[in-house]
Amino acid sequence: KNNDLLFRNLKETMCNSENPIINQCFDRTELTDKKRPETAATQFKNSLSKLMEILMSKEPSYIRCMKPNDSKQADRFDEVLIRHQVKYLGLMENLRVRRAGFAYRRKYEVFLQRTKIFIRFPKTLFATEDALEVRKQSLATKTQATWRGFYRRKKFLHMKHSAITIQSWWRGTLGRRKAAKKKWAAETIRRFIKGFIYRNYPRCPENEYFLDYIRFSFLMNLKRNLPKNVLDKSWPTPPPSLCEASQLLRQLCMQNMVWSYCKRISPEWKQQLEQKVIASEIFKGKKDNYPQSVPRLFINTRLGNEEINAKVLQALENEAIK
């Protein structure tokens, strides 16, 4: 069918025709319309625009139908025929594209907002897409570098803030410790001075700290300088407030050393000492050479074995001489 509209002059000629049939086929009211009649290209363009409006208002789904067999029988599956249809319908290529990650479909509004200035010439759009593919790697690298820089800077600022917070807290702690230590030192010195002033007074709150320190120092000094044996007469000088306690401690220490010494004496040595005590009571101050004989040990007899009778020697071996 030829639906192209006639020009105005042709319509006027047909309307002025003397043939009544031709005259009735053309409407004279169309002669008053001064618009230019639509051409076939304009009609095609308008139809295409309407079609695009309909398509964009919908969500199209492409459904491909395949015949399971040529005889149209139920429950019959022809594998060769199905493979042929899959191959020539392009389903495998479509699956490869989808699997490659191109299944994402951008909305038309977003695409139009991005490329509306280039839509006039398709070549420009294609060139833009090609340029994007070329620059995609560098743009991704630049974006990644920018993001990493932003992330690292954010992390650095966070670490810096944390370090400053920790430093301020630690400095405050050190300052408080130092102030507390100075306060304690000043208080200790004050108590020592006050205790030294009241050192000769009875125990009271003013001198108790000083007296406790003096006693502790004396006891620690005594611990390091205790007498080593009974003959050692050294003893640290006690403070005035500990003279009585020092005397008692000295007696206890001496008793303990004597007890320890006596515990270590053997029976033979004990017998020698007892004999020395008896000899001292008998000969001390009465015999001139007694002091020289004190270091010498007593012996059971001064006679040799050859000078003693065999029976007497046998008796001596069985029983010690008293």
C-alpha atoms as a PDB file:
ATOM      1  CA  LYS A   1       0.000   0.000   0.000  1.00  0.00           C
ATOM      2  CA  ASN A   2       1.125   3.486  -0.830  1.00  0.00           C
ATOM      3  CA  ASN A   3       0.207   5.652   2.150  1.00  0.00           C
ATOM      4  CA  ASP A   4       2.214   8.704   1.090  1.00  0.00           C
ATOM      5  CA  LEU A   5       0.073  11.865   1.237  1.00  0.00           C
ATOM      6  CA  LEU A   6      -0.370  14.002  -1.848  1.00  0.00           C
ATOM      7  CA  PHE A   7       0.866  17.537  -2.096  1.00  0.00           C
ATOM      8  CA  ARG A   8      -1.561  20.436  -1.831  1.00  0.00           C
ATOM      9  CA  ASN A   9      -1.643  21.306  -5.545  1.00  0.00           C
ATOM     10  CA  LEU A  10      -2.491  17.717  -6.471  1.00  0.00           C
ATOM     11  CA  LYS A  11      -5.288  17.683  -3.909  1.00  0.00           C
ATOM     12  CA  GLU A  12      -6.711  20.920  -5.331  1.00  0.00           C
ATOM     13  CA  THR A  13      -6.605  19.481  -8.835  1.00  0.00           C
ATOM     14  CA  MET A  14      -8.418  16.321  -7.740  1.00  0.00           C
ATOM     15  CA  CYS A  15     -11.006  18.297  -5.791  1.00  0.00           C
ATOM     16  CA  ASN A  16     -11.731  20.451  -8.896  1.00  0.00           C
ATOM     17  CA  SER A  17     -12.205  17.377 -11.068  1.00  0.00           C
ATOM     18  CA  GLU A  18     -15.526  17.101 -12.914  1.00  0.00           C
ATOM     19  CA  ASN A  19     -15.639  13.381 -12.202  1.00  0.00           C
ATOM     20  CA  PRO A  20     -17.933  12.992  -9.173  1.00  0.00           C
ATOM     21  CA  ILE A  21     -16.165   9.861  -7.913  1.00  0.00           C
ATOM     22  CA  ILE A  22     -12.745  11.502  -7.892  1.00  0.00           C
ATOM     23  CA  ASN A  23     -14.261  14.654  -6.447  1.00  0.00           C
ATOM     24  CA  GLN A  24     -15.710  12.715  -3.491  1.00  0.00           C
ATOM     25  CA  CYS A  25     -12.470  10.807  -2.774  1.00  0.00           C
ATOM     26  CA  PHE A  26     -10.711  13.981  -1.656  1.00  0.00           C
ATOM     27  CA  ASP A  27     -11.831  16.101   1.254  1.00  0.00           C
ATOM     28  CA  ARG A  28     -11.802  19.848   0.636  1.00  0.00           C
ATOM     29  CA  THR A  29     -11.203  20.521   4.363  1.00  0.00           C
ATOM     30  CA  GLU A  30      -7.678  19.174   3.999  1.00  0.00           C
ATOM     31  CA  LEU A  31      -6.918  22.092   1.670  1.00  0.00           C
ATOM     32  CA  THR A  32      -7.283  24.547   4.573  1.00  0.00           C
ATOM     33  CA  ASP A  33      -4.548  22.749   6.583  1.00  0.00           C
ATOM     34  CA  LYS A  34      -1.309  24.536   5.788  1.00  0.00           C
ATOM     35  CA  LYS A  35       0.933  21.960   7.469  1.00  0.00           C
ATOM     36  CA  ARG A  36       3.419  20.142   5.352  1.00  0.00           C
ATOM     37  CA  PRO A  37       2.272  16.568   4.832  1.00  0.00           C
ATOM     38  CA  GLU A  38       4.280  13.834   6.553  1.00  0.00           C
ATOM     39  CA  THR A  39       6.686  11.900   4.420  1.00  0.00           C
ATOM     40  CA  ALA A  40       7.374   8.178   4.691  1.00  0.00           C
ATOM     41  CA  ALA A  41      10.590   8.854   6.589  1.00  0.00           C
ATOM     42  CA  THR A  42       8.726  11.049   9.091  1.00  0.00           C
ATOM     43  CA  GLN A  43       6.077   8.406   9.574  1.00  0.00           C
ATOM     44  CA  PHE A  44       8.760   5.748  10.062  1.00  0.00           C
ATOM     45  CA  LYS A  45      10.527   7.947  12.580  1.00  0.00           C
ATOM     46  CA  ASN A  46       7.318   8.564  14.530  1.00  0.00           C
ATOM     47  CA  SER A  47       6.467   4.866  14.503  1.00  0.00           C
ATOM     48  CA  LEU A  48       9.950   4.007  15.703  1.00  0.00           C
ATOM     49  CA  SER A  49       9.699   6.571  18.511  1.00  0.00           C
ATOM     50  CA  LYS A  50       6.384   5.116  19.654  1.00  0.00           C
ATOM     51  CA  LEU A  51       7.871   1.621  19.550  1.00  0.00           C
ATOM     52  CA  MET A  52      10.855   2.741  21.650  1.00  0.00           C
ATOM     53  CA  GLU A  53       8.519   4.360  24.173  1.00  0.00           C
ATOM     54  CA  ILE A  54       6.592   1.121  24.473  1.00  0.00           C
ATOM     55  CA  LEU A  55       9.776  -0.951  24.832  1.00  0.00           C
ATOM     56  CA  MET A  56      11.327   1.368  27.424  1.00  0.00           C
ATOM     57  CA  SER A  57       8.158   1.332  29.508  1.00  0.00           C
ATOM     58  CA  LYS A  58       8.341  -2.465  29.704  1.00  0.00           C
ATOM     59  CA  GLU A  59      10.847  -5.052  30.881  1.00  0.00           C
ATOM     60  CA  PRO A  60      11.373  -7.289  27.862  1.00  0.00           C
ATOM     61  CA  SER A  61      12.343 -10.921  28.264  1.00  0.00           C
ATOM     62  CA  TYR A  62      13.695 -12.877  25.338  1.00  0.00           C
ATOM     63  CA  ILE A  63      12.318 -16.414  25.200  1.00  0.00           C
ATOM     64  CA  ARG A  64      13.786 -18.866  22.737  1.00  0.00           C
ATOM     65  CA  CYS A  65      11.662 -21.862  21.917  1.00  0.00           C
ATOM     66  CA  MET A  66      13.182 -25.104  20.681  1.00  0.00           C
ATOM     67  CA  LYS A  67      11.515 -28.131  19.181  1.00  0.00           C
ATOM     68  CA  PRO A  68      12.340 -31.370  21.003  1.00  0.00           C
ATOM     69  CA  ASN A  69      11.675 -33.394  17.846  1.00  0.00           C
ATOM     70  CA  ASP A  70      10.507 -32.956  14.261  1.00  0.00           C
ATOM     71  CA  SER A  71       7.451 -35.172  14.642  1.00  0.00           C
ATOM     72  CA  LYS A  72       6.012 -33.075  17.503  1.00  0.00           C
ATOM     73  CA  GLN A  73       5.592 -36.115  19.742  1.00  0.00           C
ATOM     74  CA  ALA A  74       5.418 -35.916  23.537  1.00  0.00           C
ATOM     75  CA  ASP A  75       8.148 -37.354  25.768  1.00  0.00           C
ATOM     76  CA  ARG A  76      10.613 -37.590  22.901  1.00  0.00           C
ATOM     77  CA  PHE A  77      13.913 -35.731  23.010  1.00  0.00           C
ATOM     78  CA  ASP A  78      16.128 -35.533  19.913  1.00  0.00           C
ATOM     79  CA  GLU A  79      19.596 -34.627  21.168  1.00  0.00           C
ATOM     80  CA  VAL A  80      21.057 -33.911  17.715  1.00  0.00           C
ATOM     81  CA  LEU A  81      18.211 -31.542  16.866  1.00  0.00           C
ATOM     82  CA  ILE A  82      18.499 -29.755  20.219  1.00  0.00           C
ATOM     83  CA  ARG A  83      22.271 -29.317  19.789  1.00  0.00           C
ATOM     84  CA  HIS A  84      21.710 -27.879  16.314  1.00  0.00           C
ATOM     85  CA  GLN A  85      19.180 -25.354  17.630  1.00  0.00           C
ATOM     86  CA  VAL A  86      21.388 -24.387  20.586  1.00  0.00           C
ATOM     87  CA  LYS A  87      24.316 -23.812  18.264  1.00  0.00           C
ATOM     88  CA  TYR A  88      22.539 -21.700  15.653  1.00  0.00           C
ATOM     89  CA  LEU A  89      20.410 -19.713  18.099  1.00  0.00           C
ATOM     90  CA  GLY A  90      23.588 -18.397  19.732  1.00  0.00           C
ATOM     91  CA  LEU A  91      22.753 -19.699  23.204  1.00  0.00           C
ATOM     92  CA  MET A  92      26.314 -20.811  23.959  1.00  0.00           C
ATOM     93  CA  GLU A  93      27.720 -17.388  23.037  1.00  0.00           C
ATOM     94  CA  ASN A  94      25.088 -15.764  25.221  1.00  0.00           C
ATOM     95  CA  LEU A  95      26.065 -18.019  28.127  1.00  0.00           C
ATOM     96  CA  ARG A  96      29.757 -17.222  27.626  1.00  0.00           C
ATOM     97  CA  VAL A  97      28.992 -13.500  27.693  1.00  0.00           C
ATOM     98  CA  ARG A  98      26.917 -13.878  30.848  1.00  0.00           C
ATOM     99  CA  ARG A  99      29.588 -16.013  32.494  1.00  0.00           C
ATOM    100  CA  ALA A 100      32.273 -13.458  31.563  1.00  0.00           C
ATOM    101  CA  GLY A 101      30.491 -10.904  33.742  1.00  0.00           C
ATOM    102  CA  PHE A 102      28.533  -8.862  31.218  1.00  0.00           C
ATOM    103  CA  ALA A 103      25.125  -9.810  32.581  1.00  0.00           C
ATOM    104  CA  TYR A 104      24.770  -6.442  34.293  1.00  0.00           C
ATOM    105  CA  ARG A 105      22.204  -4.205  32.610  1.00  0.00           C
ATOM    106  CA  ARG A 106      22.467  -0.544  33.398  1.00  0.00           C
ATOM    107  CA  LYS A 107      19.290   1.450  33.667  1.00  0.00           C
ATOM    108  CA  TYR A 108      18.448   3.582  30.679  1.00  0.00           C
ATOM    109  CA  GLU A 109      18.249   6.794  32.739  1.00  0.00           C
ATOM    110  CA  VAL A 110      21.772   6.256  34.099  1.00  0.00           C
ATOM    111  CA  PHE A 111      23.140   5.449  30.654  1.00  0.00           C
ATOM    112  CA  LEU A 112      21.410   8.484  29.151  1.00  0.00           C
ATOM    113  CA  GLN A 113      22.711  10.771  31.892  1.00  0.00           C
ATOM    114  CA  ARG A 114      26.228   9.582  31.158  1.00  0.00           C
ATOM    115  CA  THR A 115      26.268   9.593  27.355  1.00  0.00           C
ATOM    116  CA  LYS A 116      23.482  12.000  26.316  1.00  0.00           C
ATOM    117  CA  ILE A 117      25.919  14.529  24.831  1.00  0.00           C
ATOM    118  CA  PHE A 118      27.309  11.877  22.464  1.00  0.00           C
ATOM    119  CA  ILE A 119      24.119  10.177  21.368  1.00  0.00           C
ATOM    120  CA  ARG A 120      23.777  12.367  18.302  1.00  0.00           C
ATOM    121  CA  PHE A 121      26.545  10.490  16.474  1.00  0.00           C
ATOM    122  CA  PRO A 122      26.885   6.735  17.125  1.00  0.00           C
ATOM    123  CA  LYS A 123      30.524   6.759  16.038  1.00  0.00           C
ATOM    124  CA  THR A 124      31.337   9.164  18.840  1.00  0.00           C
ATOM    125  CA  LEU A 125      29.653   6.846  21.343  1.00  0.00           C
ATOM    126  CA  PHE A 126      31.608   3.855  20.056  1.00  0.00           C
ATOM    127  CA  ALA A 127      34.855   5.831  20.146  1.00  0.00           C
ATOM    128  CA  THR A 128      34.087   6.869  23.710  1.00  0.00           C
ATOM    129  CA  GLU A 129      33.491   3.270  24.757  1.00  0.00           C
ATOM    130  CA  ASP A 130      36.738   2.198  23.077  1.00  0.00           C
ATOM    131  CA  ALA A 131      38.639   4.977  24.841  1.00  0.00           C
ATOM    132  CA  LEU A 132      37.071   3.873  28.121  1.00  0.00           C
ATOM    133  CA  GLU A 133      38.240   0.314  27.554  1.00  0.00           C
ATOM    134  CA  VAL A 134      41.769   1.573  26.847  1.00  0.00           C
ATOM    135  CA  ARG A 135      41.855   3.830  29.919  1.00  0.00           C
ATOM    136  CA  LYS A 136      39.956   1.484  32.204  1.00  0.00           C
ATOM    137  CA  GLN A 137      43.107  -0.130  33.631  1.00  0.00           C
ATOM    138  CA  SER A 138      44.837   3.195  34.295  1.00  0.00           C
ATOM    139  CA  LEU A 139      41.647   4.686  35.745  1.00  0.00           C
ATOM    140  CA  ALA A 140      41.198   1.660  37.994  1.00  0.00           C
ATOM    141  CA  THR A 141      44.833   1.920  39.103  1.00  0.00           C
ATOM    142  CA  LYS A 142      44.478   5.627  39.801  1.00  0.00           C
ATOM    143  CA  THR A 143      41.230   5.079  41.691  1.00  0.00           C
ATOM    144  CA  GLN A 144      42.822   2.277  43.679  1.00  0.00           C
ATOM    145  CA  ALA A 145      45.881   4.403  44.466  1.00  0.00           C
ATOM    146  CA  THR A 146      43.670   7.297  45.551  1.00  0.00           C
ATOM    147  CA  TRP A 147      41.598   5.036  47.762  1.00  0.00           C
ATOM    148  CA  ARG A 148      44.689   3.427  49.274  1.00  0.00           C
ATOM    149  CA  GLY A 149      46.186   6.830  49.939  1.00  0.00           C
ATOM    150  CA  PHE A 150      42.973   7.984  51.575  1.00  0.00           C
ATOM    151  CA  TYR A 151      42.726   4.778  53.631  1.00  0.00           C
ATOM    152  CA  ARG A 152      46.384   4.899  54.697  1.00  0.00           C
ATOM    153  CA  ARG A 153      46.133   8.570  55.586  1.00  0.00           C
ATOM    154  CA  LYS A 154      42.997   7.899  57.607  1.00  0.00           C
ATOM    155  CA  LYS A 155      44.742   5.018  59.361  1.00  0.00           C
ATOM    156  CA  PHE A 156      47.833   7.163  59.959  1.00  0.00           C
ATOM    157  CA  LEU A 157      45.749   9.981  61.439  1.00  0.00           C
ATOM    158  CA  HIS A 158      43.974   7.478  63.666  1.00  0.00           C
ATOM    159  CA  MET A 159      47.315   6.015  64.812  1.00  0.00           C
ATOM    160  CA  LYS A 160      48.697   9.519  65.341  1.00  0.00           C
ATOM    161  CA  HIS A 161      45.698  10.475  67.435  1.00  0.00           C
ATOM    162  CA  SER A 162      46.036   7.230  69.421  1.00  0.00           C
ATOM    163  CA  ALA A 163      49.774   7.824  69.941  1.00  0.00           C
ATOM    164  CA  ILE A 164      49.144  11.393  71.114  1.00  0.00           C
ATOM    165  CA  THR A 165      46.435  10.164  73.479  1.00  0.00           C
ATOM    166  CA  ILE A 166      48.707   7.442  74.886  1.00  0.00           C
ATOM    167  CA  GLN A 167      51.610   9.887  75.219  1.00  0.00           C
ATOM    168  CA  SER A 168      49.474  12.441  77.024  1.00  0.00           C
ATOM    169  CA  TRP A 169      48.079   9.773  79.331  1.00  0.00           C
ATOM    170  CA  TRP A 170      51.537   8.314  80.031  1.00  0.00           C
ATOM    171  CA  ARG A 171      53.057  11.751  80.619  1.00  0.00           C
ATOM    172  CA  GLY A 172      50.221  12.538  82.986  1.00  0.00           C
ATOM    173  CA  THR A 173      50.828   9.253  84.795  1.00  0.00           C
ATOM    174  CA  LEU A 174      54.569   9.935  85.050  1.00  0.00           C
ATOM    175  CA  GLY A 175      53.857  13.451  86.270  1.00  0.00           C
ATOM    176  CA  ARG A 176      51.466  12.180  88.919  1.00  0.00           C
ATOM    177  CA  ARG A 177      53.951   9.513  89.995  1.00  0.00           C
ATOM    178  CA  LYS A 178      56.753  12.050  90.188  1.00  0.00           C
ATOM    179  CA  ALA A 179      54.586  14.478  92.146  1.00  0.00           C
ATOM    180  CA  ALA A 180      53.515  11.689  94.514  1.00  0.00           C
ATOM    181  CA  LYS A 181      57.144  10.634  94.944  1.00  0.00           C
ATOM    182  CA  LYS A 182      58.216  14.197  95.708  1.00  0.00           C
ATOM    183  CA  LYS A 183      55.347  14.558  98.140  1.00  0.00           C
ATOM    184  CA  TRP A 184      56.297  11.287  99.844  1.00  0.00           C
ATOM    185  CA  ALA A 185      59.970  12.342 100.022  1.00  0.00           C
ATOM    186  CA  ALA A 186      59.068  15.717 101.503  1.00  0.00           C
ATOM    187  CA  GLU A 187      56.740  14.064 104.021  1.00  0.00           C
ATOM    188  CA  THR A 188      59.423  11.509 104.959  1.00  0.00           C
ATOM    189  CA  ILE A 189      62.081  14.197 105.439  1.00  0.00           C
ATOM    190  CA  ARG A 190      59.670  16.248 107.523  1.00  0.00           C
ATOM    191  CA  ARG A 191      58.830  13.248 109.708  1.00  0.00           C
ATOM    192  CA  PHE A 192      62.532  12.396 110.111  1.00  0.00           C
ATOM    193  CA  ILE A 193      63.408  15.936 111.136  1.00  0.00           C
ATOM    194  CA  LYS A 194      60.500  16.095 113.547  1.00  0.00           C
ATOM    195  CA  GLY A 195      61.344  12.648 114.916  1.00  0.00           C
ATOM    196  CA  PHE A 196      64.992  13.642 115.387  1.00  0.00           C
ATOM    197  CA  ILE A 197      63.889  16.676 117.380  1.00  0.00           C
ATOM    198  CA  TYR A 198      61.663  14.518 119.624  1.00  0.00           C
ATOM    199  CA  ARG A 199      64.004  11.502 119.696  1.00  0.00           C
ATOM    200  CA  ASN A 200      64.631  11.710 123.463  1.00  0.00           C
ATOM    201  CA  TYR A 201      60.938  11.989 124.312  1.00  0.00           C
ATOM    202  CA  PRO A 202      58.660   9.031 125.019  1.00  0.00           C
ATOM    203  CA  ARG A 203      57.106   7.405 121.985  1.00  0.00           C
ATOM    204  CA  CYS A 204      54.527   9.705 120.418  1.00  0.00           C
ATOM    205  CA  PRO A 205      53.100  10.408 116.922  1.00  0.00           C
ATOM    206  CA  GLU A 206      55.867  12.981 116.314  1.00  0.00           C
ATOM    207  CA  ASN A 207      58.785  10.548 116.782  1.00  0.00           C
ATOM    208  CA  GLU A 208      57.324   7.085 116.142  1.00  0.00           C
ATOM    209  CA  TYR A 209      58.428   6.977 112.483  1.00  0.00           C
ATOM    210  CA  PHE A 210      61.985   8.024 113.372  1.00  0.00           C
ATOM    211  CA  LEU A 211      62.202   5.539 116.260  1.00  0.00           C
ATOM    212  CA  ASP A 212      60.880   2.717 114.087  1.00  0.00           C
ATOM    213  CA  TYR A 213      63.477   3.490 111.441  1.00  0.00           C
ATOM    214  CA  ILE A 214      66.275   3.622 114.054  1.00  0.00           C
ATOM    215  CA  ARG A 215      65.187   0.284 115.486  1.00  0.00           C
ATOM    216  CA  PHE A 216      64.923  -1.287 112.056  1.00  0.00           C
ATOM    217  CA  SER A 217      68.376   0.021 111.084  1.00  0.00           C
ATOM    218  CA  PHE A 218      69.886  -1.296 114.327  1.00  0.00           C
ATOM    219  CA  LEU A 219      68.339  -4.742 113.878  1.00  0.00           C
ATOM    220  CA  MET A 220      69.513  -4.973 110.253  1.00  0.00           C
ATOM    221  CA  ASN A 221      73.028  -3.900 111.318  1.00  0.00           C
ATOM    222  CA  LEU A 222      72.949  -6.454 114.131  1.00  0.00           C
ATOM    223  CA  LYS A 223      71.894  -9.136 111.662  1.00  0.00           C
ATOM    224  CA  ARG A 224      74.948  -8.413 109.513  1.00  0.00           C
ATOM    225  CA  ASN A 225      77.410  -8.146 112.454  1.00  0.00           C
ATOM    226  CA  LEU A 226      76.463 -10.906 114.891  1.00  0.00           C
ATOM    227  CA  PRO A 227      79.355 -12.504 116.871  1.00  0.00           C
ATOM    228  CA  LYS A 228      80.818 -15.526 115.116  1.00  0.00           C
ATOM    229  CA  ASN A 229      81.795 -17.499 118.242  1.00  0.00           C
ATOM    230  CA  VAL A 230      81.738 -17.380 122.025  1.00  0.00           C
ATOM    231  CA  LEU A 231      85.078 -15.592 122.270  1.00  0.00           C
ATOM    232  CA  ASP A 232      83.938 -12.805 119.916  1.00  0.00           C
ATOM    233  CA  LYS A 233      82.867  -9.950 122.200  1.00  0.00           C
ATOM    234  CA  SER A 234      81.941  -7.456 119.459  1.00  0.00           C
ATOM    235  CA  TRP A 235      78.401  -6.022 119.493  1.00  0.00           C
ATOM    236  CA  PRO A 236      76.917  -3.038 117.601  1.00  0.00           C
ATOM    237  CA  THR A 237      76.233   0.053 119.685  1.00  0.00           C
ATOM    238  CA  PRO A 238      72.466   0.331 120.224  1.00  0.00           C
ATOM    239  CA  PRO A 239      70.481   3.591 120.192  1.00  0.00           C
ATOM    240  CA  PRO A 240      69.391   4.942 123.580  1.00  0.00           C
ATOM    241  CA  SER A 241      65.851   3.627 123.168  1.00  0.00           C
ATOM    242  CA  LEU A 242      67.093   0.059 122.560  1.00  0.00           C
ATOM    243  CA  CYS A 243      69.753  -0.372 125.254  1.00  0.00           C
ATOM    244  CA  GLU A 244      67.675  -2.779 127.325  1.00  0.00           C
ATOM    245  CA  ALA A 245      66.518  -4.731 124.279  1.00  0.00           C
ATOM    246  CA  SER A 246      70.110  -4.871 122.987  1.00  0.00           C
ATOM    247  CA  GLN A 247      71.315  -6.326 126.302  1.00  0.00           C
ATOM    248  CA  LEU A 248      68.620  -9.010 126.228  1.00  0.00           C
ATOM    249  CA  LEU A 249      69.425  -9.850 122.621  1.00  0.00           C
ATOM    250  CA  ARG A 250      73.116 -10.099 123.470  1.00  0.00           C
ATOM    251  CA  GLN A 251      72.414 -12.535 126.295  1.00  0.00           C
ATOM    252  CA  LEU A 252      70.163 -14.619 124.077  1.00  0.00           C
ATOM    253  CA  CYS A 253      72.785 -14.646 121.340  1.00  0.00           C
ATOM    254  CA  MET A 254      75.490 -15.727 123.788  1.00  0.00           C
ATOM    255  CA  GLN A 255      73.297 -18.474 125.228  1.00  0.00           C
ATOM    256  CA  ASN A 256      72.499 -19.691 121.754  1.00  0.00           C
ATOM    257  CA  MET A 257      76.181 -19.789 120.751  1.00  0.00           C
ATOM    258  CA  VAL A 258      77.087 -21.611 123.997  1.00  0.00           C
ATOM    259  CA  TRP A 259      74.299 -24.115 123.449  1.00  0.00           C
ATOM    260  CA  SER A 260      75.379 -24.655 119.850  1.00  0.00           C
ATOM    261  CA  TYR A 261      79.002 -25.048 120.921  1.00  0.00           C
ATOM    262  CA  CYS A 262      78.118 -27.530 123.641  1.00  0.00           C
ATOM    263  CA  LYS A 263      75.973 -29.488 121.240  1.00  0.00           C
ATOM    264  CA  ARG A 264      78.918 -29.921 118.876  1.00  0.00           C
ATOM    265  CA  ILE A 265      81.385 -31.103 121.605  1.00  0.00           C
ATOM    266  CA  SER A 266      82.339 -34.787 121.411  1.00  0.00           C
ATOM    267  CA  PRO A 267      82.323 -36.965 124.573  1.00  0.00           C
ATOM    268  CA  GLU A 268      86.155 -37.165 124.613  1.00  0.00           C
ATOM    269  CA  TRP A 269      86.520 -33.410 124.362  1.00  0.00           C
ATOM    270  CA  LYS A 270      83.853 -32.929 127.038  1.00  0.00           C
ATOM    271  CA  GLN A 271      85.821 -35.213 129.360  1.00  0.00           C
ATOM    272  CA  GLN A 272      88.957 -33.165 128.709  1.00  0.00           C
ATOM    273  CA  LEU A 273      87.127 -29.942 129.580  1.00  0.00           C
ATOM    274  CA  GLU A 274      85.719 -31.381 132.775  1.00  0.00           C
ATOM    275  CA  GLN A 275      89.217 -32.491 133.782  1.00  0.00           C
ATOM    276  CA  LYS A 276      90.569 -29.024 132.941  1.00  0.00           C
ATOM    277  CA  VAL A 277      87.933 -27.421 135.187  1.00  0.00           C
ATOM    278  CA  ILE A 278      88.833 -29.727 138.079  1.00  0.00           C
ATOM    279  CA  ALA A 279      92.556 -29.087 137.545  1.00  0.00           C
ATOM    280  CA  SER A 280      91.922 -25.342 137.478  1.00  0.00           C
ATOM    281  CA  GLU A 281      90.159 -25.501 140.836  1.00  0.00           C
ATOM    282  CA  ILE A 282      93.057 -27.495 142.302  1.00  0.00           C
ATOM    283  CA  PHE A 283      96.177 -25.866 140.810  1.00  0.00           C
ATOM    284  CA  LYS A 284      95.185 -22.321 139.805  1.00  0.00           C
ATOM    285  CA  GLY A 285      97.276 -19.871 141.832  1.00  0.00           C
ATOM    286  CA  LYS A 286      99.104 -22.696 143.611  1.00  0.00           C
ATOM    287  CA  LYS A 287     101.428 -23.983 140.924  1.00  0.00           C
ATOM    288  CA  ASP A 288     103.835 -21.741 139.055  1.00  0.00           C
ATOM    289  CA  ASN A 289     103.848 -23.594 135.751  1.00  0.00           C
ATOM    290  CA  TYR A 290     100.091 -24.199 135.693  1.00  0.00           C
ATOM    291  CA  PRO A 291      99.293 -21.537 133.042  1.00  0.00           C
ATOM    292  CA  GLN A 292     101.740 -23.227 130.641  1.00  0.00           C
ATOM    293  CA  SER A 293     100.050 -26.617 131.142  1.00  0.00           C
ATOM    294  CA  VAL A 294      96.518 -25.430 130.390  1.00  0.00           C
ATOM    295  CA  PRO A 295      96.743 -25.807 126.556  1.00  0.00           C
ATOM    296  CA  ARG A 296      98.090 -29.359 126.896  1.00  0.00           C
ATOM    297  CA  LEU A 297      95.569 -32.179 126.775  1.00  0.00           C
ATOM    298  CA  PHE A 298      95.395 -34.838 129.446  1.00  0.00           C
ATOM    299  CA  ILE A 299      96.455 -38.394 128.531  1.00  0.00           C
ATOM    300  CA  ASN A 300      95.383 -41.627 130.185  1.00  0.00           C
ATOM    301  CA  THR A 301      98.954 -42.671 131.214  1.00  0.00           C
ATOM    302  CA  ARG A 302     102.519 -41.549 130.689  1.00  0.00           C
ATOM    303  CA  LEU A 303     103.939 -45.098 130.760  1.00  0.00           C
ATOM    304  CA  GLY A 304     104.762 -46.935 127.555  1.00  0.00           C
ATOM    305  CA  ASN A 305     103.342 -50.314 126.720  1.00  0.00           C
ATOM    306  CA  GLU A 306     106.691 -51.993 127.327  1.00  0.00           C
ATOM    307  CA  GLU A 307     106.877 -50.545 130.860  1.00  0.00           C
ATOM    308  CA  ILE A 308     103.499 -51.881 131.974  1.00  0.00           C
ATOM    309  CA  ASN A 309     102.814 -55.404 133.081  1.00  0.00           C
ATOM    310  CA  ALA A 310     100.907 -57.447 130.541  1.00  0.00           C
ATOM    311  CA  LYS A 311      98.093 -58.117 132.988  1.00  0.00           C
ATOM    312  CA  VAL A 312      97.864 -54.438 133.892  1.00  0.00           C
ATOM    313  CA  LEU A 313      97.907 -53.448 130.202  1.00  0.00           C
ATOM    314  CA  GLN A 314      95.120 -55.898 129.492  1.00  0.00           C
ATOM    315  CA  ALA A 315      93.114 -54.446 132.351  1.00  0.00           C
ATOM    316  CA  LEU A 316      93.727 -50.914 131.063  1.00  0.00           C
ATOM    317  CA  GLU A 317      92.486 -51.852 127.635  1.00  0.00           C
ATOM    318  CA  ASN A 318      89.278 -53.209 129.101  1.00  0.00           C
ATOM    319  CA  GLU A 319      88.660 -50.289 131.497  1.00  0.00           C
ATOM    320  CA  ALA A 320      89.815 -46.710 131.236  1.00  0.00           C
ATOM    321  CA  ILE A 321      91.834 -45.264 134.133  1.00  0.00           C
ATOM    322  CA  LYS A 322      89.901 -42.720 136.208  1.00  0.00           C
END
